[in-house]
Amino acid sequence: MPDRPYVIDQMISAKSIAARIEALAREIKAEYKDTEKLVVVGLLRGSFVFIADLVRELDLPVEVDFLEASSYGDGMESSREVRILKDLRGQIENRDVLVVEDIVDTGHTLSKVSEYLSTRKPRKMKSIALLDKPSRREVDFRADWIGFEIPDEFVVGYGIDFAQRNRNLPFIGKVRFT
């Protein structure tokens, strides 16, 4: 639990997020229009709200699976050590895969997860991140689709937490300590 009081300043409204997801879904549908089934792999826990809203906008045959990777714990800084805490339940070999991440910061998590999943030989694998902080990038990796590029701020809401709090906010907000 955070040991200092803080407030959350709204950065991206729920309405803006919904509009952006609609636009992203149109691009994804075009990319995967010939798929037999798209396996949407959500990186837990931060992406679960984004996945729910995104798959509802995809007019495609969709299967949802989850992988839990961690490089943060309860802190505000990445440890840069990516650990797989929960693996996929299904198979992705020769399947179309979309990896869904909440936020790309240093790039370590999405890079390692993409590398890990590619060893399972998917037919086509792309990635999407709701948020991107390019100023923090340490690994040369960029998601195929980005919802919003944001400055180097610690953010919460829309599934993203601070020590397991604030995931339920309908918007993306910046944490400001008081």
C-alpha atoms as a PDB file:
ATOM      1  CA  MET A   1       0.000   0.000   0.000  1.00  0.00           C
ATOM      2  CA  PRO A   2       1.299   3.480  -0.754  1.00  0.00           C
ATOM      3  CA  ASP A   3       2.845   5.017   2.330  1.00  0.00           C
ATOM      4  CA  ARG A   4       2.316   8.648   1.302  1.00  0.00           C
ATOM      5  CA  PRO A   5      -0.965  10.427   0.563  1.00  0.00           C
ATOM      6  CA  TYR A   6      -1.617  11.097  -3.102  1.00  0.00           C
ATOM      7  CA  VAL A   7      -4.235  12.440  -5.477  1.00  0.00           C
ATOM      8  CA  ILE A   8      -5.039  11.394  -9.004  1.00  0.00           C
ATOM      9  CA  ASP A   9      -5.317  13.978 -11.777  1.00  0.00           C
ATOM     10  CA  GLN A  10      -7.266  12.832 -14.830  1.00  0.00           C
ATOM     11  CA  MET A  11      -5.101  12.602 -17.974  1.00  0.00           C
ATOM     12  CA  ILE A  12      -7.287  10.651 -20.418  1.00  0.00           C
ATOM     13  CA  SER A  13     -11.071  10.551 -20.063  1.00  0.00           C
ATOM     14  CA  ALA A  14     -13.212   7.437 -20.302  1.00  0.00           C
ATOM     15  CA  LYS A  15     -14.847   8.922 -23.417  1.00  0.00           C
ATOM     16  CA  SER A  16     -11.458   9.418 -25.120  1.00  0.00           C
ATOM     17  CA  ILE A  17     -10.424   5.866 -24.253  1.00  0.00           C
ATOM     18  CA  ALA A  18     -13.654   4.431 -25.721  1.00  0.00           C
ATOM     19  CA  ALA A  19     -13.243   6.409 -28.953  1.00  0.00           C
ATOM     20  CA  ARG A  20      -9.625   5.321 -29.342  1.00  0.00           C
ATOM     21  CA  ILE A  21     -10.500   1.668 -28.759  1.00  0.00           C
ATOM     22  CA  GLU A  22     -13.123   1.845 -31.513  1.00  0.00           C
ATOM     23  CA  ALA A  23     -10.502   3.219 -33.924  1.00  0.00           C
ATOM     24  CA  LEU A  24      -7.926   0.607 -32.916  1.00  0.00           C
ATOM     25  CA  ALA A  25     -10.484  -2.197 -33.315  1.00  0.00           C
ATOM     26  CA  ARG A  26     -11.159  -1.108 -36.912  1.00  0.00           C
ATOM     27  CA  GLU A  27      -7.423  -1.375 -37.699  1.00  0.00           C
ATOM     28  CA  ILE A  28      -7.113  -4.752 -35.976  1.00  0.00           C
ATOM     29  CA  LYS A  29     -10.175  -6.113 -37.814  1.00  0.00           C
ATOM     30  CA  ALA A  30      -8.589  -5.080 -41.117  1.00  0.00           C
ATOM     31  CA  GLU A  31      -5.282  -6.746 -40.190  1.00  0.00           C
ATOM     32  CA  TYR A  32      -6.895 -10.008 -39.109  1.00  0.00           C
ATOM     33  CA  LYS A  33      -9.897 -10.032 -41.488  1.00  0.00           C
ATOM     34  CA  ASP A  34      -9.062 -13.526 -42.822  1.00  0.00           C
ATOM     35  CA  THR A  35      -8.417 -15.174 -39.473  1.00  0.00           C
ATOM     36  CA  GLU A  36     -10.144 -18.385 -38.472  1.00  0.00           C
ATOM     37  CA  LYS A  37      -9.799 -17.311 -34.858  1.00  0.00           C
ATOM     38  CA  LEU A  38      -7.825 -14.531 -33.205  1.00  0.00           C
ATOM     39  CA  VAL A  39      -6.253 -15.470 -29.879  1.00  0.00           C
ATOM     40  CA  VAL A  40      -6.181 -12.314 -27.775  1.00  0.00           C
ATOM     41  CA  VAL A  41      -3.500 -12.763 -25.109  1.00  0.00           C
ATOM     42  CA  GLY A  42      -3.903 -10.352 -22.252  1.00  0.00           C
ATOM     43  CA  LEU A  43      -1.018  -9.546 -19.967  1.00  0.00           C
ATOM     44  CA  LEU A  44      -2.414  -9.605 -16.463  1.00  0.00           C
ATOM     45  CA  ARG A  45      -3.335  -7.803 -14.469  1.00  0.00           C
ATOM     46  CA  GLY A  46      -3.277  -4.285 -15.840  1.00  0.00           C
ATOM     47  CA  SER A  47      -4.752  -5.034 -19.258  1.00  0.00           C
ATOM     48  CA  PHE A  48      -7.964  -6.781 -18.220  1.00  0.00           C
ATOM     49  CA  VAL A  49     -10.256  -3.738 -18.609  1.00  0.00           C
ATOM     50  CA  PHE A  50      -8.665  -2.822 -21.947  1.00  0.00           C
ATOM     51  CA  ILE A  51      -9.068  -6.407 -23.208  1.00  0.00           C
ATOM     52  CA  ALA A  52     -12.727  -6.528 -22.227  1.00  0.00           C
ATOM     53  CA  ASP A  53     -13.530  -3.321 -24.080  1.00  0.00           C
ATOM     54  CA  LEU A  54     -11.318  -4.171 -27.069  1.00  0.00           C
ATOM     55  CA  VAL A  55     -12.719  -7.658 -27.747  1.00  0.00           C
ATOM     56  CA  ARG A  56     -16.281  -6.324 -27.607  1.00  0.00           C
ATOM     57  CA  GLU A  57     -15.344  -4.047 -30.525  1.00  0.00           C
ATOM     58  CA  LEU A  58     -13.763  -6.826 -32.614  1.00  0.00           C
ATOM     59  CA  ASP A  59     -16.209  -8.349 -35.073  1.00  0.00           C
ATOM     60  CA  LEU A  60     -13.985 -11.421 -35.456  1.00  0.00           C
ATOM     61  CA  PRO A  61     -13.942 -14.935 -34.043  1.00  0.00           C
ATOM     62  CA  VAL A  62     -11.993 -14.339 -30.824  1.00  0.00           C
ATOM     63  CA  GLU A  63     -10.528 -16.521 -28.102  1.00  0.00           C
ATOM     64  CA  VAL A  64      -9.176 -14.833 -24.972  1.00  0.00           C
ATOM     65  CA  ASP A  65      -6.290 -16.188 -22.938  1.00  0.00           C
ATOM     66  CA  PHE A  66      -4.090 -14.643 -20.279  1.00  0.00           C
ATOM     67  CA  LEU A  67      -0.455 -14.616 -19.331  1.00  0.00           C
ATOM     68  CA  GLU A  68       0.764 -12.950 -16.167  1.00  0.00           C
ATOM     69  CA  ALA A  69       4.183 -11.371 -16.304  1.00  0.00           C
ATOM     70  CA  SER A  70       5.653  -9.096 -13.689  1.00  0.00           C
ATOM     71  CA  SER A  71       8.484  -6.625 -13.551  1.00  0.00           C
ATOM     72  CA  TYR A  72       7.010  -4.160 -11.033  1.00  0.00           C
ATOM     73  CA  GLY A  73       5.644  -5.819  -7.906  1.00  0.00           C
ATOM     74  CA  ASP A  74       4.143  -3.074  -5.743  1.00  0.00           C
ATOM     75  CA  GLY A  75       6.692  -0.423  -6.690  1.00  0.00           C
ATOM     76  CA  MET A  76       6.686   2.481  -9.107  1.00  0.00           C
ATOM     77  CA  GLU A  77       9.847   1.417 -10.972  1.00  0.00           C
ATOM     78  CA  SER A  78      10.411  -1.602 -13.192  1.00  0.00           C
ATOM     79  CA  SER A  79      12.827  -4.183 -11.829  1.00  0.00           C
ATOM     80  CA  ARG A  80      13.717  -5.022 -15.457  1.00  0.00           C
ATOM     81  CA  GLU A  81      13.515  -8.690 -14.491  1.00  0.00           C
ATOM     82  CA  VAL A  82      10.486 -10.139 -16.254  1.00  0.00           C
ATOM     83  CA  ARG A  83       8.956 -13.177 -14.586  1.00  0.00           C
ATOM     84  CA  ILE A  84       6.156 -15.311 -16.030  1.00  0.00           C
ATOM     85  CA  LEU A  85       3.750 -15.902 -13.144  1.00  0.00           C
ATOM     86  CA  LYS A  86       0.907 -17.521 -15.111  1.00  0.00           C
ATOM     87  CA  ASP A  87       1.182 -19.131 -18.521  1.00  0.00           C
ATOM     88  CA  LEU A  88      -1.388 -19.518 -21.289  1.00  0.00           C
ATOM     89  CA  ARG A  89      -3.966 -22.280 -20.982  1.00  0.00           C
ATOM     90  CA  GLY A  90      -4.387 -22.748 -24.722  1.00  0.00           C
ATOM     91  CA  GLN A  91      -2.136 -23.410 -27.687  1.00  0.00           C
ATOM     92  CA  ILE A  92      -1.054 -20.679 -30.099  1.00  0.00           C
ATOM     93  CA  GLU A  93       0.964 -22.677 -32.638  1.00  0.00           C
ATOM     94  CA  ASN A  94      -0.180 -21.747 -36.171  1.00  0.00           C
ATOM     95  CA  ARG A  95      -2.763 -19.369 -34.697  1.00  0.00           C
ATOM     96  CA  ASP A  96      -3.223 -15.626 -35.122  1.00  0.00           C
ATOM     97  CA  VAL A  97      -2.273 -13.879 -31.888  1.00  0.00           C
ATOM     98  CA  LEU A  98      -2.743 -10.356 -30.542  1.00  0.00           C
ATOM     99  CA  VAL A  99      -0.796  -9.603 -27.345  1.00  0.00           C
ATOM    100  CA  VAL A 100      -2.507  -6.913 -25.252  1.00  0.00           C
ATOM    101  CA  GLU A 101      -0.517  -4.834 -22.757  1.00  0.00           C
ATOM    102  CA  ASP A 102      -1.680  -1.972 -20.566  1.00  0.00           C
ATOM    103  CA  ILE A 103       1.449   0.193 -20.772  1.00  0.00           C
ATOM    104  CA  VAL A 104       4.847   0.001 -22.431  1.00  0.00           C
ATOM    105  CA  ASP A 105       7.411   1.741 -20.267  1.00  0.00           C
ATOM    106  CA  THR A 106      10.983   0.405 -20.466  1.00  0.00           C
ATOM    107  CA  GLY A 107       9.826  -2.151 -23.051  1.00  0.00           C
ATOM    108  CA  HIS A 108      11.290  -5.102 -21.155  1.00  0.00           C
ATOM    109  CA  THR A 109       7.995  -6.862 -20.384  1.00  0.00           C
ATOM    110  CA  LEU A 110       6.398  -6.730 -23.828  1.00  0.00           C
ATOM    111  CA  SER A 111       9.702  -7.527 -25.515  1.00  0.00           C
ATOM    112  CA  LYS A 112      10.348 -10.594 -23.320  1.00  0.00           C
ATOM    113  CA  VAL A 113       6.759 -11.812 -23.547  1.00  0.00           C
ATOM    114  CA  SER A 114       6.763 -11.456 -27.352  1.00  0.00           C
ATOM    115  CA  GLU A 115      10.041 -13.359 -27.526  1.00  0.00           C
ATOM    116  CA  TYR A 116       8.647 -16.039 -25.202  1.00  0.00           C
ATOM    117  CA  LEU A 117       5.424 -16.460 -27.187  1.00  0.00           C
ATOM    118  CA  SER A 118       7.172 -16.491 -30.565  1.00  0.00           C
ATOM    119  CA  THR A 119       8.910 -19.746 -29.554  1.00  0.00           C
ATOM    120  CA  ARG A 120       5.435 -21.325 -29.731  1.00  0.00           C
ATOM    121  CA  LYS A 121       5.301 -20.560 -33.462  1.00  0.00           C
ATOM    122  CA  PRO A 122       2.122 -18.516 -33.899  1.00  0.00           C
ATOM    123  CA  ARG A 123       1.031 -17.965 -37.520  1.00  0.00           C
ATOM    124  CA  LYS A 124       0.968 -14.192 -37.026  1.00  0.00           C
ATOM    125  CA  MET A 125       1.624 -12.283 -33.822  1.00  0.00           C
ATOM    126  CA  LYS A 126       1.109  -8.567 -33.255  1.00  0.00           C
ATOM    127  CA  SER A 127       0.897  -6.459 -30.117  1.00  0.00           C
ATOM    128  CA  ILE A 128      -1.151  -3.573 -28.827  1.00  0.00           C
ATOM    129  CA  ALA A 129      -0.643  -1.338 -25.805  1.00  0.00           C
ATOM    130  CA  LEU A 130      -3.141   1.104 -24.399  1.00  0.00           C
ATOM    131  CA  LEU A 131      -0.362   3.462 -23.254  1.00  0.00           C
ATOM    132  CA  ASP A 132       3.191   4.077 -24.409  1.00  0.00           C
ATOM    133  CA  LYS A 133       5.948   6.035 -22.641  1.00  0.00           C
ATOM    134  CA  PRO A 134       8.655   6.232 -25.329  1.00  0.00           C
ATOM    135  CA  SER A 135      10.843   8.519 -23.192  1.00  0.00           C
ATOM    136  CA  ARG A 136      11.402   5.583 -20.792  1.00  0.00           C
ATOM    137  CA  ARG A 137      12.287   2.978 -23.421  1.00  0.00           C
ATOM    138  CA  GLU A 138      15.371   0.871 -22.685  1.00  0.00           C
ATOM    139  CA  VAL A 139      14.641  -1.904 -25.175  1.00  0.00           C
ATOM    140  CA  ASP A 140      14.157  -1.346 -28.900  1.00  0.00           C
ATOM    141  CA  PHE A 141      10.559  -2.552 -28.958  1.00  0.00           C
ATOM    142  CA  ARG A 142       7.356  -0.843 -30.038  1.00  0.00           C
ATOM    143  CA  ALA A 143       3.863  -2.316 -30.010  1.00  0.00           C
ATOM    144  CA  ASP A 144       2.177  -2.582 -33.402  1.00  0.00           C
ATOM    145  CA  TRP A 145      -0.718  -0.459 -32.140  1.00  0.00           C
ATOM    146  CA  ILE A 146      -0.661   2.217 -29.448  1.00  0.00           C
ATOM    147  CA  GLY A 147      -3.700   3.761 -27.823  1.00  0.00           C
ATOM    148  CA  PHE A 148      -2.063   6.858 -26.365  1.00  0.00           C
ATOM    149  CA  GLU A 149       1.488   8.127 -26.056  1.00  0.00           C
ATOM    150  CA  ILE A 150       1.982   9.672 -22.634  1.00  0.00           C
ATOM    151  CA  PRO A 151       4.783  11.543 -20.847  1.00  0.00           C
ATOM    152  CA  ASP A 152       6.889   9.995 -18.105  1.00  0.00           C
ATOM    153  CA  GLU A 153       4.231  10.049 -15.378  1.00  0.00           C
ATOM    154  CA  PHE A 154       3.095   7.310 -13.017  1.00  0.00           C
ATOM    155  CA  VAL A 155      -0.484   6.540 -14.041  1.00  0.00           C
ATOM    156  CA  VAL A 156      -3.406   4.528 -12.694  1.00  0.00           C
ATOM    157  CA  GLY A 157      -6.952   3.672 -13.682  1.00  0.00           C
ATOM    158  CA  TYR A 158      -8.674   1.670 -16.385  1.00  0.00           C
ATOM    159  CA  GLY A 159      -7.109  -1.510 -14.998  1.00  0.00           C
ATOM    160  CA  ILE A 160      -3.711  -0.029 -14.128  1.00  0.00           C
ATOM    161  CA  ASP A 161      -2.862  -0.037 -10.431  1.00  0.00           C
ATOM    162  CA  PHE A 162      -0.637   1.468  -7.795  1.00  0.00           C
ATOM    163  CA  ALA A 163       0.012  -1.259  -5.183  1.00  0.00           C
ATOM    164  CA  GLN A 164      -3.222  -2.990  -6.280  1.00  0.00           C
ATOM    165  CA  ARG A 165      -5.336   0.159  -5.904  1.00  0.00           C
ATOM    166  CA  ASN A 166      -7.170   2.415  -8.389  1.00  0.00           C
ATOM    167  CA  ARG A 167      -7.717  -0.226 -11.119  1.00  0.00           C
ATOM    168  CA  ASN A 168     -11.440   0.558 -11.038  1.00  0.00           C
ATOM    169  CA  LEU A 169     -11.158   4.167 -12.192  1.00  0.00           C
ATOM    170  CA  PRO A 170     -12.872   4.626 -15.592  1.00  0.00           C
ATOM    171  CA  PHE A 171     -10.144   7.018 -16.792  1.00  0.00           C
ATOM    172  CA  ILE A 172      -6.340   7.197 -16.856  1.00  0.00           C
ATOM    173  CA  GLY A 173      -4.992   9.462 -14.152  1.00  0.00           C
ATOM    174  CA  LYS A 174      -1.598  10.737 -13.060  1.00  0.00           C
ATOM    175  CA  VAL A 175      -0.528  10.003  -9.474  1.00  0.00           C
ATOM    176  CA  ARG A 176       0.556  13.136  -7.633  1.00  0.00           C
ATOM    177  CA  PHE A 177       1.882  12.883  -4.099  1.00  0.00           C
ATOM    178  CA  THR A 178       0.636  15.484  -1.625  1.00  0.00           C
END
